[in-house]
N, C-alpha and C. Protein backbone atom coordinates (compact mmCIF):
# COMPACT_ATOMS: atom_id res chain seq x y z
N ARG A 1 6.69 -1.35 14.84
CA ARG A 1 6.73 0.10 14.84
C ARG A 1 8.02 0.58 14.18
N VAL A 2 9.14 -0.06 14.46
CA VAL A 2 10.41 0.33 13.87
C VAL A 2 10.38 0.15 12.35
N PHE A 3 9.70 -0.89 11.90
CA PHE A 3 9.59 -1.13 10.47
C PHE A 3 8.85 0.01 9.79
N PHE A 4 7.75 0.48 10.40
CA PHE A 4 7.01 1.61 9.86
C PHE A 4 7.92 2.84 9.79
N VAL A 5 8.68 3.08 10.84
CA VAL A 5 9.59 4.23 10.85
C VAL A 5 10.59 4.10 9.72
N ARG A 6 11.10 2.90 9.52
CA ARG A 6 12.09 2.68 8.46
C ARG A 6 11.49 2.94 7.08
N THR A 7 10.23 2.57 6.87
CA THR A 7 9.60 2.85 5.58
C THR A 7 9.42 4.35 5.37
N PHE A 8 9.13 5.10 6.43
CA PHE A 8 8.98 6.53 6.29
C PHE A 8 10.33 7.21 6.04
N VAL A 9 11.40 6.68 6.64
CA VAL A 9 12.74 7.19 6.36
C VAL A 9 13.09 6.93 4.90
N LEU A 10 12.74 5.75 4.41
CA LEU A 10 12.97 5.42 3.00
C LEU A 10 12.18 6.35 2.10
N ASP A 11 10.94 6.62 2.43
CA ASP A 11 10.12 7.53 1.64
C ASP A 11 10.74 8.92 1.61
N ASP A 12 11.25 9.37 2.73
CA ASP A 12 11.91 10.68 2.79
C ASP A 12 13.15 10.69 1.91
N LEU A 13 13.91 9.61 1.91
CA LEU A 13 15.09 9.50 1.06
C LEU A 13 14.71 9.59 -0.41
N LEU A 14 13.64 8.92 -0.79
CA LEU A 14 13.20 8.95 -2.18
C LEU A 14 12.72 10.34 -2.58
N LYS A 15 12.08 11.06 -1.66
CA LYS A 15 11.66 12.44 -1.94
C LYS A 15 12.88 13.34 -2.14
N LYS A 16 13.91 13.10 -1.34
CA LYS A 16 15.15 13.88 -1.47
C LYS A 16 15.80 13.61 -2.82
N VAL A 17 15.80 12.36 -3.25
CA VAL A 17 16.37 12.00 -4.55
C VAL A 17 15.59 12.69 -5.67
N ARG A 18 14.27 12.67 -5.57
CA ARG A 18 13.44 13.32 -6.59
C ARG A 18 13.77 14.81 -6.67
N LEU A 19 13.94 15.46 -5.53
CA LEU A 19 14.28 16.88 -5.50
C LEU A 19 15.64 17.12 -6.15
N LEU A 20 16.61 16.27 -5.85
CA LEU A 20 17.95 16.41 -6.46
C LEU A 20 17.89 16.22 -7.97
N ILE A 21 17.07 15.29 -8.42
CA ILE A 21 16.94 15.06 -9.87
C ILE A 21 16.31 16.28 -10.53
N MET A 22 15.29 16.84 -9.91
CA MET A 22 14.61 18.00 -10.48
C MET A 22 15.53 19.21 -10.56
N GLU A 23 16.49 19.29 -9.64
CA GLU A 23 17.40 20.43 -9.60
C GLU A 23 18.79 20.08 -10.12
N HIS A 24 18.88 19.08 -10.98
CA HIS A 24 20.20 18.64 -11.47
C HIS A 24 20.88 19.70 -12.33
N ASP A 25 20.11 20.55 -12.97
CA ASP A 25 20.72 21.58 -13.80
C ASP A 25 21.36 22.70 -12.97
N LYS A 26 20.93 22.89 -11.75
CA LYS A 26 21.51 23.90 -10.88
C LYS A 26 22.88 23.46 -10.35
N ASP A 27 23.00 22.16 -10.06
CA ASP A 27 24.26 21.64 -9.54
C ASP A 27 24.53 20.27 -10.17
N PRO A 28 25.40 20.21 -11.18
CA PRO A 28 25.68 18.93 -11.84
C PRO A 28 26.33 17.90 -10.92
N ASN A 29 26.86 18.35 -9.80
CA ASN A 29 27.47 17.41 -8.85
C ASN A 29 26.42 16.58 -8.12
N ASN A 30 25.15 16.90 -8.30
CA ASN A 30 24.08 16.13 -7.65
C ASN A 30 23.93 14.74 -8.25
N ILE A 31 24.35 14.56 -9.50
CA ILE A 31 24.14 13.27 -10.17
C ILE A 31 24.83 12.13 -9.44
N PRO A 32 26.11 12.26 -9.05
CA PRO A 32 26.71 11.16 -8.27
C PRO A 32 26.01 10.94 -6.92
N LYS A 33 25.54 12.02 -6.30
CA LYS A 33 24.80 11.89 -5.04
C LYS A 33 23.51 11.11 -5.26
N VAL A 34 22.84 11.42 -6.37
CA VAL A 34 21.58 10.75 -6.69
C VAL A 34 21.83 9.25 -6.87
N ARG A 35 22.86 8.89 -7.59
CA ARG A 35 23.16 7.48 -7.83
C ARG A 35 23.48 6.76 -6.52
N THR A 36 24.22 7.42 -5.64
CA THR A 36 24.55 6.83 -4.34
C THR A 36 23.29 6.63 -3.50
N LEU A 37 22.43 7.64 -3.50
CA LEU A 37 21.19 7.55 -2.72
C LEU A 37 20.25 6.49 -3.30
N LEU A 38 20.22 6.35 -4.63
CA LEU A 38 19.39 5.31 -5.24
C LEU A 38 19.90 3.92 -4.86
N ASN A 39 21.22 3.76 -4.81
CA ASN A 39 21.78 2.47 -4.39
C ASN A 39 21.42 2.16 -2.94
N THR A 40 21.48 3.18 -2.09
CA THR A 40 21.11 3.00 -0.69
C THR A 40 19.64 2.61 -0.56
N ALA A 41 18.79 3.31 -1.30
CA ALA A 41 17.36 3.02 -1.25
C ALA A 41 17.07 1.62 -1.77
N SER A 42 17.75 1.22 -2.82
CA SER A 42 17.56 -0.12 -3.37
C SER A 42 17.94 -1.20 -2.35
N ARG A 43 19.05 -0.99 -1.68
CA ARG A 43 19.50 -1.94 -0.65
C ARG A 43 18.48 -2.01 0.49
N ASP A 44 17.99 -0.85 0.90
CA ASP A 44 16.99 -0.82 1.98
C ASP A 44 15.71 -1.54 1.59
N ILE A 45 15.26 -1.33 0.36
CA ILE A 45 14.04 -1.99 -0.10
C ILE A 45 14.21 -3.50 -0.11
N ILE A 46 15.35 -3.97 -0.56
CA ILE A 46 15.60 -5.41 -0.58
C ILE A 46 15.56 -5.99 0.82
N LEU A 47 16.18 -5.30 1.77
CA LEU A 47 16.17 -5.78 3.16
C LEU A 47 14.76 -5.77 3.75
N LEU A 48 14.00 -4.72 3.47
CA LEU A 48 12.64 -4.64 3.98
C LEU A 48 11.77 -5.75 3.39
N GLN A 49 11.95 -6.05 2.11
CA GLN A 49 11.19 -7.13 1.49
C GLN A 49 11.54 -8.48 2.11
N GLU A 50 12.82 -8.70 2.41
CA GLU A 50 13.22 -9.95 3.06
C GLU A 50 12.60 -10.08 4.44
N ILE A 51 12.62 -9.01 5.20
CA ILE A 51 12.02 -9.05 6.53
C ILE A 51 10.54 -9.36 6.45
N LEU A 52 9.85 -8.72 5.51
CA LEU A 52 8.42 -8.98 5.35
C LEU A 52 8.14 -10.41 4.94
N SER A 53 8.96 -10.97 4.08
CA SER A 53 8.72 -12.36 3.66
C SER A 53 8.95 -13.31 4.83
N TYR A 54 9.97 -13.07 5.65
CA TYR A 54 10.19 -13.91 6.84
C TYR A 54 9.03 -13.79 7.82
N LEU A 55 8.56 -12.57 8.02
CA LEU A 55 7.45 -12.35 8.94
C LEU A 55 6.19 -13.03 8.44
N PHE A 56 5.92 -12.90 7.14
CA PHE A 56 4.72 -13.52 6.57
C PHE A 56 4.79 -15.04 6.67
N GLU A 57 5.95 -15.62 6.37
CA GLU A 57 6.11 -17.08 6.48
C GLU A 57 5.91 -17.55 7.92
N SER A 58 6.43 -16.79 8.85
CA SER A 58 6.27 -17.15 10.27
C SER A 58 4.81 -17.11 10.68
N LEU A 59 4.10 -16.10 10.23
CA LEU A 59 2.69 -15.98 10.57
C LEU A 59 1.86 -17.09 9.93
N GLN A 60 2.21 -17.48 8.72
CA GLN A 60 1.47 -18.54 8.05
C GLN A 60 1.64 -19.88 8.76
N SER A 61 2.82 -20.12 9.30
CA SER A 61 3.05 -21.40 9.97
C SER A 61 2.61 -21.38 11.44
N MET A 62 2.26 -20.22 11.96
CA MET A 62 1.84 -20.10 13.35
C MET A 62 0.41 -20.60 13.52
N GLU A 63 0.22 -21.47 14.48
CA GLU A 63 -1.12 -21.98 14.78
C GLU A 63 -1.58 -21.42 16.12
N VAL A 64 -2.80 -21.00 16.16
CA VAL A 64 -3.37 -20.49 17.41
C VAL A 64 -3.79 -21.71 18.23
N PRO A 65 -3.30 -21.81 19.47
CA PRO A 65 -3.64 -22.97 20.29
C PRO A 65 -5.11 -22.95 20.73
N GLU A 66 -5.58 -24.11 21.11
CA GLU A 66 -6.95 -24.23 21.64
C GLU A 66 -7.02 -23.58 23.02
N ARG A 67 -8.21 -23.18 23.40
CA ARG A 67 -8.40 -22.58 24.72
C ARG A 67 -8.21 -23.66 25.79
N PRO A 68 -7.35 -23.39 26.78
CA PRO A 68 -7.13 -24.36 27.86
C PRO A 68 -8.39 -24.56 28.71
N GLU A 69 -8.48 -25.72 29.33
CA GLU A 69 -9.64 -26.06 30.15
C GLU A 69 -9.61 -25.39 31.53
N ASP A 70 -8.42 -25.22 32.11
CA ASP A 70 -8.36 -24.67 33.47
C ASP A 70 -8.67 -23.16 33.45
N GLU A 71 -9.04 -22.65 34.61
CA GLU A 71 -9.49 -21.27 34.71
C GLU A 71 -8.37 -20.28 34.43
N ALA A 72 -7.18 -20.51 34.99
CA ALA A 72 -6.06 -19.59 34.78
C ALA A 72 -5.66 -19.56 33.31
N GLY A 73 -5.58 -20.73 32.69
CA GLY A 73 -5.23 -20.80 31.27
C GLY A 73 -6.28 -20.13 30.40
N GLY A 74 -7.54 -20.30 30.75
CA GLY A 74 -8.62 -19.67 30.00
C GLY A 74 -8.57 -18.15 30.10
N THR A 75 -8.26 -17.67 31.30
CA THR A 75 -8.15 -16.23 31.49
C THR A 75 -6.99 -15.67 30.67
N LEU A 76 -5.85 -16.36 30.74
CA LEU A 76 -4.69 -15.94 29.97
C LEU A 76 -4.99 -15.97 28.47
N TYR A 77 -5.68 -17.00 28.03
CA TYR A 77 -6.04 -17.12 26.62
C TYR A 77 -6.92 -15.94 26.19
N LYS A 78 -7.85 -15.59 27.06
CA LYS A 78 -8.76 -14.48 26.77
C LYS A 78 -8.00 -13.15 26.73
N VAL A 79 -7.07 -12.96 27.66
CA VAL A 79 -6.31 -11.71 27.73
C VAL A 79 -5.38 -11.58 26.52
N LEU A 80 -4.71 -12.66 26.15
CA LEU A 80 -3.77 -12.60 25.02
C LEU A 80 -4.47 -12.45 23.68
N ASN A 81 -5.66 -13.03 23.56
CA ASN A 81 -6.47 -12.87 22.36
C ASN A 81 -5.66 -13.20 21.10
N MET A 82 -5.11 -14.40 21.08
CA MET A 82 -4.16 -14.82 20.05
C MET A 82 -4.73 -14.77 18.63
N ALA A 83 -5.96 -15.20 18.44
CA ALA A 83 -6.53 -15.23 17.09
C ALA A 83 -6.63 -13.83 16.49
N ASN A 84 -7.12 -12.89 17.28
CA ASN A 84 -7.22 -11.51 16.80
C ASN A 84 -5.85 -10.87 16.61
N MET A 85 -4.92 -11.22 17.49
CA MET A 85 -3.56 -10.68 17.38
C MET A 85 -2.92 -11.15 16.07
N LYS A 86 -3.09 -12.41 15.75
CA LYS A 86 -2.52 -12.94 14.51
C LYS A 86 -3.15 -12.25 13.30
N ARG A 87 -4.46 -12.08 13.33
CA ARG A 87 -5.16 -11.41 12.24
C ARG A 87 -4.67 -9.97 12.08
N ASP A 88 -4.52 -9.26 13.18
CA ASP A 88 -4.06 -7.87 13.14
C ASP A 88 -2.64 -7.77 12.58
N VAL A 89 -1.78 -8.69 12.99
CA VAL A 89 -0.40 -8.66 12.49
C VAL A 89 -0.37 -8.99 10.99
N LEU A 90 -1.21 -9.91 10.55
CA LEU A 90 -1.29 -10.21 9.11
C LEU A 90 -1.74 -8.99 8.32
N ILE A 91 -2.69 -8.26 8.85
CA ILE A 91 -3.16 -7.04 8.18
C ILE A 91 -2.03 -6.01 8.10
N ARG A 92 -1.28 -5.88 9.18
CA ARG A 92 -0.15 -4.94 9.17
C ARG A 92 0.92 -5.36 8.19
N VAL A 93 1.18 -6.67 8.08
CA VAL A 93 2.17 -7.15 7.12
C VAL A 93 1.71 -6.82 5.70
N GLU A 94 0.42 -6.97 5.43
CA GLU A 94 -0.11 -6.62 4.10
C GLU A 94 0.06 -5.13 3.83
N ASP A 95 -0.22 -4.30 4.84
CA ASP A 95 -0.05 -2.86 4.68
C ASP A 95 1.41 -2.50 4.41
N LEU A 96 2.30 -3.11 5.16
CA LEU A 96 3.72 -2.85 4.98
C LEU A 96 4.21 -3.32 3.62
N THR A 97 3.66 -4.43 3.15
CA THR A 97 4.03 -4.93 1.83
C THR A 97 3.63 -3.92 0.76
N LYS A 98 2.47 -3.32 0.92
CA LYS A 98 2.02 -2.30 -0.04
C LYS A 98 2.92 -1.07 0.01
N LEU A 99 3.32 -0.66 1.21
CA LEU A 99 4.22 0.50 1.34
C LEU A 99 5.56 0.23 0.66
N VAL A 100 6.12 -0.94 0.89
CA VAL A 100 7.41 -1.29 0.30
C VAL A 100 7.28 -1.42 -1.21
N HIS A 101 6.16 -1.98 -1.66
CA HIS A 101 5.93 -2.12 -3.10
C HIS A 101 5.84 -0.73 -3.76
N GLY A 102 5.17 0.20 -3.10
CA GLY A 102 5.10 1.57 -3.61
C GLY A 102 6.46 2.23 -3.66
N ALA A 103 7.27 1.99 -2.64
CA ALA A 103 8.63 2.55 -2.62
C ALA A 103 9.47 1.96 -3.75
N GLN A 104 9.26 0.70 -4.04
CA GLN A 104 10.00 0.05 -5.13
C GLN A 104 9.62 0.68 -6.48
N HIS A 105 8.34 0.95 -6.67
CA HIS A 105 7.91 1.61 -7.91
C HIS A 105 8.49 3.02 -8.01
N GLU A 106 8.50 3.72 -6.91
CA GLU A 106 9.09 5.07 -6.90
C GLU A 106 10.57 5.00 -7.24
N LEU A 107 11.26 4.01 -6.70
CA LEU A 107 12.68 3.83 -7.00
C LEU A 107 12.88 3.58 -8.50
N GLN A 108 12.03 2.76 -9.09
CA GLN A 108 12.13 2.49 -10.53
C GLN A 108 11.90 3.76 -11.34
N ASN A 109 10.93 4.55 -10.93
CA ASN A 109 10.66 5.82 -11.62
C ASN A 109 11.85 6.77 -11.52
N LEU A 110 12.43 6.86 -10.33
CA LEU A 110 13.57 7.75 -10.14
C LEU A 110 14.79 7.26 -10.92
N SER A 111 14.95 5.96 -11.00
CA SER A 111 16.05 5.42 -11.79
C SER A 111 15.88 5.75 -13.26
N ALA A 112 14.65 5.66 -13.75
CA ALA A 112 14.38 6.02 -15.14
C ALA A 112 14.62 7.51 -15.37
N MET A 113 14.27 8.33 -14.40
CA MET A 113 14.51 9.76 -14.52
C MET A 113 16.01 10.05 -14.53
N THR A 114 16.77 9.30 -13.76
CA THR A 114 18.22 9.48 -13.71
C THR A 114 18.86 9.09 -15.04
N ASP A 115 18.33 8.09 -15.69
CA ASP A 115 18.87 7.68 -16.98
C ASP A 115 18.71 8.78 -18.03
N VAL A 116 17.68 9.59 -17.89
CA VAL A 116 17.40 10.64 -18.87
C VAL A 116 18.37 11.82 -18.70
N ILE A 117 18.73 12.12 -17.47
CA ILE A 117 19.59 13.31 -17.26
C ILE A 117 21.04 13.02 -17.49
């Protein structure tokens, strides 16, 4: 959940940078702010990508154990629902990867826009 929040904070930062770039003619002092914010966003994207790669590697190496024979273990196995949990987390990692990839493309676009001004 915190990772999702962090991606939305990053998205908000990129929207703020886009607004500052669009209004650069009103305040020329925005250009150093834009560069600082782009550096911050770039650093955040790199960290988010590293976290996702560690999470994905961990999920790939994780094996779902067999259902235990005893009744208590079987009940716990059923309640934890490990196979579905792993699948759901893999889907979320894929979604987060797409969000971070989109943010990276937006960062590249904003950097190109900054080069023009």
